[in-house]
C-alpha atoms as a PDB file:
ATOM      1  CA  MET A   1       6.250  -9.397  22.230  1.00  0.00           C
ATOM      2  CA  PHE A   2       8.561 -12.123  21.787  1.00  0.00           C
ATOM      3  CA  ILE A   3      10.669 -11.158  25.031  1.00  0.00           C
ATOM      4  CA  GLY A   4       7.388  -9.703  27.203  1.00  0.00           C
ATOM      5  CA  GLY A   5       7.740 -13.692  29.035  1.00  0.00           C
ATOM      6  CA  ILE A   6      11.294 -12.438  30.691  1.00  0.00           C
ATOM      7  CA  PHE A   7       9.578  -9.585  32.349  1.00  0.00           C
ATOM      8  CA  SER A   8       6.058 -10.961  33.510  1.00  0.00           C
ATOM      9  CA  ASP A   9       4.428 -13.955  33.539  1.00  0.00           C
ATOM     10  CA  LYS A  10       0.980 -12.416  32.737  1.00  0.00           C
ATOM     11  CA  ILE A  11       3.065 -10.828  29.843  1.00  0.00           C
ATOM     12  CA  LEU A  12       4.227 -14.329  28.733  1.00  0.00           C
ATOM     13  CA  LEU A  13       0.866 -15.883  29.088  1.00  0.00           C
ATOM     14  CA  LEU A  14      -1.089 -13.341  27.258  1.00  0.00           C
ATOM     15  CA  ASN A  15       1.820 -13.948  24.895  1.00  0.00           C
ATOM     16  CA  ILE A  16       1.339 -17.355  24.212  1.00  0.00           C
ATOM     17  CA  PHE A  17      -2.555 -17.707  24.550  1.00  0.00           C
ATOM     18  CA  ILE A  18      -4.100 -14.776  23.150  1.00  0.00           C
ATOM     19  CA  ILE A  19      -1.297 -12.234  21.037  1.00  0.00           C
ATOM     20  CA  LEU A  20       0.538 -14.995  19.122  1.00  0.00           C
ATOM     21  CA  PRO A  21      -2.672 -16.779  17.789  1.00  0.00           C
ATOM     22  CA  LEU A  22      -4.430 -13.568  17.245  1.00  0.00           C
ATOM     23  CA  ILE A  23      -1.351 -12.630  15.071  1.00  0.00           C
ATOM     24  CA  PHE A  24      -1.174 -16.203  13.154  1.00  0.00           C
ATOM     25  CA  ILE A  25      -5.340 -15.390  12.882  1.00  0.00           C
ATOM     26  CA  THR A  26      -4.557 -11.860  11.131  1.00  0.00           C
ATOM     27  CA  GLN A  27      -1.811 -13.352   8.913  1.00  0.00           C
ATOM     28  CA  CYS A  28      -3.523 -16.045   7.555  1.00  0.00           C
ATOM     29  CA  GLN A  29      -5.877 -13.682   5.360  1.00  0.00           C
ATOM     30  CA  GLN A  30      -5.149 -13.160   2.035  1.00  0.00           C
ATOM     31  CA  ASN A  31      -3.066  -9.458   2.621  1.00  0.00           C
ATOM     32  CA  HIS A  32      -2.877  -8.249   5.914  1.00  0.00           C
ATOM     33  CA  PRO A  33      -5.241  -6.022   6.976  1.00  0.00           C
ATOM     34  CA  ILE A  34      -2.498  -2.643   7.909  1.00  0.00           C
ATOM     35  CA  LEU A  35      -0.702  -3.554   4.592  1.00  0.00           C
ATOM     36  CA  LYS A  36      -3.722  -2.690   2.871  1.00  0.00           C
ATOM     37  CA  TYR A  37      -4.290   0.438   4.384  1.00  0.00           C
ATOM     38  CA  LYS A  38      -1.231   1.562   4.381  1.00  0.00           C
ATOM     39  CA  ILE A  39      -0.590   1.320   0.971  1.00  0.00           C
ATOM     40  CA  LYS A  40      -4.025   2.886   0.038  1.00  0.00           C
ATOM     41  CA  TYR A  41      -2.760   5.554   2.133  1.00  0.00           C
ATOM     42  CA  ILE A  42       0.454   5.748   0.425  1.00  0.00           C
ATOM     43  CA  ILE A  43      -1.254   6.242  -3.525  1.00  0.00           C
ATOM     44  CA  ASN A  44      -4.035   7.972  -1.980  1.00  0.00           C
ATOM     45  CA  ASN A  45      -1.546  10.784  -0.845  1.00  0.00           C
ATOM     46  CA  GLN A  46       0.737  10.679  -3.480  1.00  0.00           C
ATOM     47  CA  ASN A  47       1.562  14.140  -3.179  1.00  0.00           C
ATOM     48  CA  LEU A  48       2.907  13.849   0.260  1.00  0.00           C
ATOM     49  CA  PHE A  49       5.632  11.055  -1.325  1.00  0.00           C
ATOM     50  CA  SER A  50       6.372  12.612  -4.512  1.00  0.00           C
ATOM     51  CA  ASN A  51       9.649  13.910  -3.633  1.00  0.00           C
ATOM     52  CA  ILE A  52      11.051  10.331  -3.061  1.00  0.00           C
ATOM     53  CA  ASN A  53      13.318   8.700  -5.550  1.00  0.00           C
ATOM     54  CA  ILE A  54      11.544   5.039  -5.602  1.00  0.00           C
ATOM     55  CA  ASN A  55      14.642   2.124  -6.240  1.00  0.00           C
ATOM     56  CA  PRO A  56      12.772  -0.918  -5.801  1.00  0.00           C
ATOM     57  CA  TYR A  57      15.922  -3.095  -5.398  1.00  0.00           C
ATOM     58  CA  LYS A  58      15.117  -6.588  -5.352  1.00  0.00           C
ATOM     59  CA  LYS A  59      15.942  -8.445  -2.307  1.00  0.00           C
ATOM     60  CA  CYS A  60      13.696 -11.027  -1.107  1.00  0.00           C
ATOM     61  CA  CYS A  61      12.318  -9.074   1.773  1.00  0.00           C
ATOM     62  CA  ASN A  62      11.761  -6.210   0.040  1.00  0.00           C
ATOM     63  CA  SER A  63       9.458  -7.887  -2.895  1.00  0.00           C
ATOM     64  CA  LEU A  64       5.495  -8.835  -2.972  1.00  0.00           C
ATOM     65  CA  TYR A  65       4.643 -12.247  -4.055  1.00  0.00           C
ATOM     66  CA  ASN A  66       2.259 -11.731  -7.337  1.00  0.00           C
ATOM     67  CA  SER A  67      -0.615 -13.484  -5.646  1.00  0.00           C
ATOM     68  CA  GLU A  68      -0.064 -10.940  -2.964  1.00  0.00           C
ATOM     69  CA  VAL A  69      -0.338  -8.074  -5.438  1.00  0.00           C
ATOM     70  CA  ASP A  70      -3.161  -9.528  -7.541  1.00  0.00           C
ATOM     71  CA  ASN A  71      -5.018  -9.560  -4.028  1.00  0.00           C
ATOM     72  CA  LEU A  72      -4.344  -5.987  -3.422  1.00  0.00           C
ATOM     73  CA  VAL A  73      -5.238  -4.942  -7.067  1.00  0.00           C
ATOM     74  CA  ASP A  74      -8.537  -6.722  -6.577  1.00  0.00           C
ATOM     75  CA  GLU A  75      -9.321  -5.785  -3.127  1.00  0.00           C
ATOM     76  CA  LEU A  76      -7.968  -2.421  -3.886  1.00  0.00           C
ATOM     77  CA  LYS A  77      -8.793  -1.273  -7.732  1.00  0.00           C
ATOM     78  CA  TYR A  78      -5.566   0.363  -8.248  1.00  0.00           C
ATOM     79  CA  ASP A  79      -2.974  -0.158 -10.447  1.00  0.00           C
ATOM     80  CA  ARG A  80      -0.328  -3.423 -10.191  1.00  0.00           C
ATOM     81  CA  LYS A  81       2.161  -0.398 -11.127  1.00  0.00           C
ATOM     82  CA  ASP A  82       0.684   1.927  -8.054  1.00  0.00           C
ATOM     83  CA  ILE A  83       1.091  -0.809  -5.770  1.00  0.00           C
ATOM     84  CA  GLU A  84       4.401  -1.929  -6.054  1.00  0.00           C
ATOM     85  CA  ASN A  85       5.481   1.692  -5.790  1.00  0.00           C
ATOM     86  CA  ALA A  86       3.610   2.315  -2.719  1.00  0.00           C
ATOM     87  CA  TYR A  87       5.125  -0.657  -1.320  1.00  0.00           C
ATOM     88  CA  ALA A  88       8.608   0.464  -2.192  1.00  0.00           C
ATOM     89  CA  ILE A  89       8.095   3.908  -0.504  1.00  0.00           C
ATOM     90  CA  LEU A  90       6.440   2.256   2.198  1.00  0.00           C
ATOM     91  CA  LYS A  91       9.511  -0.363   2.038  1.00  0.00           C
ATOM     92  CA  LEU A  92      12.007   2.864   2.328  1.00  0.00           C
ATOM     93  CA  TYR A  93       9.961   4.098   5.565  1.00  0.00           C
ATOM     94  CA  GLU A  94       9.993   1.534   7.368  1.00  0.00           C
ATOM     95  CA  ASN A  95      13.845   0.117   6.764  1.00  0.00           C
ATOM     96  CA  LYS A  96      14.810   4.150   8.932  1.00  0.00           C
ATOM     97  CA  PHE A  97      13.507   1.960  12.118  1.00  0.00           C
ATOM     98  CA  ILE A  98      15.672  -0.517  13.646  1.00  0.00           C
ATOM     99  CA  LEU A  99      13.941  -3.606  14.697  1.00  0.00           C
ATOM    100  CA  PRO A 100      12.365  -3.883  10.803  1.00  0.00           C
ATOM    101  CA  ASN A 101      15.666  -3.263   9.286  1.00  0.00           C
ATOM    102  CA  CYS A 102      17.031  -6.121  11.430  1.00  0.00           C
ATOM    103  CA  ILE A 103      14.374  -8.338  10.195  1.00  0.00           C
ATOM    104  CA  ASP A 104      14.337  -7.481   6.276  1.00  0.00           C
ATOM    105  CA  TYR A 105      18.341  -8.003   6.913  1.00  0.00           C
ATOM    106  CA  GLY A 106      17.381 -11.664   8.464  1.00  0.00           C
ATOM    107  CA  LYS A 107      15.345 -12.283   5.690  1.00  0.00           C
ATOM    108  CA  ASN A 108      17.873 -11.527   3.341  1.00  0.00           C
ATOM    109  CA  ILE A 109      19.720 -13.910   4.560  1.00  0.00           C
ATOM    110  CA  PHE A 110      17.840 -16.982   4.523  1.00  0.00           C
ATOM    111  CA  CYS A 111      16.296 -15.500   1.435  1.00  0.00           C
ATOM    112  CA  ASN A 112      16.745 -18.890  -0.429  1.00  0.00           C
ATOM    113  CA  SER A 113      15.301 -21.225   1.921  1.00  0.00           C
ATOM    114  CA  PHE A 114      12.367 -23.445   1.381  1.00  0.00           C
ATOM    115  CA  ARG A 115      10.358 -20.990   4.667  1.00  0.00           C
ATOM    116  CA  ASN A 116      12.127 -18.040   5.577  1.00  0.00           C
ATOM    117  CA  PRO A 117      12.192 -17.606   9.499  1.00  0.00           C
ATOM    118  CA  PHE A 118      11.673 -14.674   9.717  1.00  0.00           C
ATOM    119  CA  ASP A 119       8.552 -14.328   7.615  1.00  0.00           C
ATOM    120  CA  ALA A 120       5.858 -13.485   9.592  1.00  0.00           C
ATOM    121  CA  GLN A 121       4.447 -16.800  10.292  1.00  0.00           C
ATOM    122  CA  GLY A 122       8.498 -18.054  10.956  1.00  0.00           C
ATOM    123  CA  LEU A 123       8.276 -15.148  13.363  1.00  0.00           C
ATOM    124  CA  ILE A 124       5.410 -16.279  15.011  1.00  0.00           C
ATOM    125  CA  VAL A 125       7.098 -19.549  15.693  1.00  0.00           C
ATOM    126  CA  ILE A 126       9.938 -17.844  17.032  1.00  0.00           C
ATOM    127  CA  GLY A 127       7.783 -16.353  19.555  1.00  0.00           C
ATOM    128  CA  TYR A 128       6.288 -19.711  20.373  1.00  0.00           C
ATOM    129  CA  ILE A 129       9.168 -21.349  21.141  1.00  0.00           C
ATOM    130  CA  PHE A 130      10.958 -18.301  22.699  1.00  0.00           C
ATOM    131  CA  ASN A 131       7.931 -17.843  25.077  1.00  0.00           C
ATOM    132  CA  THR A 132       7.658 -21.582  25.974  1.00  0.00           C
ATOM    133  CA  TYR A 133      11.106 -21.836  27.041  1.00  0.00           C
ATOM    134  CA  VAL A 134      10.864 -18.773  29.206  1.00  0.00           C
ATOM    135  CA  TYR A 135       8.180 -20.504  30.607  1.00  0.00           C
ATOM    136  CA  LEU A 136       9.894 -23.799  31.003  1.00  0.00           C
ATOM    137  CA  TYR A 137      12.583 -22.014  32.571  1.00  0.00           C
ATOM    138  CA  LYS A 138      10.954 -19.880  34.906  1.00  0.00           C
ATOM    139  CA  HIS A 139       8.970 -23.030  36.483  1.00  0.00           C
ATOM    140  CA  TYR A 140      11.001 -25.965  36.017  1.00  0.00           C
ATOM    141  CA  LYS A 141      10.391 -26.811  39.615  1.00  0.00           C
ATOM    142  CA  SER A 142       6.827 -26.951  39.437  1.00  0.00           C
ATOM    143  CA  LEU A 143       6.636 -28.793  36.611  1.00  0.00           C
ATOM    144  CA  ILE A 144       9.299 -31.898  37.734  1.00  0.00           C
ATOM    145  CA  SER A 145       6.953 -32.089  40.688  1.00  0.00           C
ATOM    146  CA  LEU A 146       3.714 -32.472  39.083  1.00  0.00           C
ATOM    147  CA  LEU A 147       5.772 -35.454  37.587  1.00  0.00           C
END
């Protein structure tokens, strides 16, 4: 998504005007809808995940905010401990892939900052900045001729 503008102008405009705003609207909800379904799946299928050693190490990228856990408890009607364990299992599986592991590494670098640039909203802003920069780089001469 972030580097799609390098390959095509259509992807660039699609990112700026459709994909990134839709992601932003999704992130503005109380809980991400995909996260809810992942946690619900893990809790409902505990037998598939029973042999996993859960070590919920407390780094900033692997912990849920208390308000997020409270919202998930209200929406999914599960215990708080079950939701935290399901999130720890989810993080163990996500960190096996390269991109989520890199994003978590970046989150841990900026763990004590006011707003983490590797949170969901920060990545949206980075995507907008990068795609706008690529657009300006590709169409610099046409934009100058308009002035």
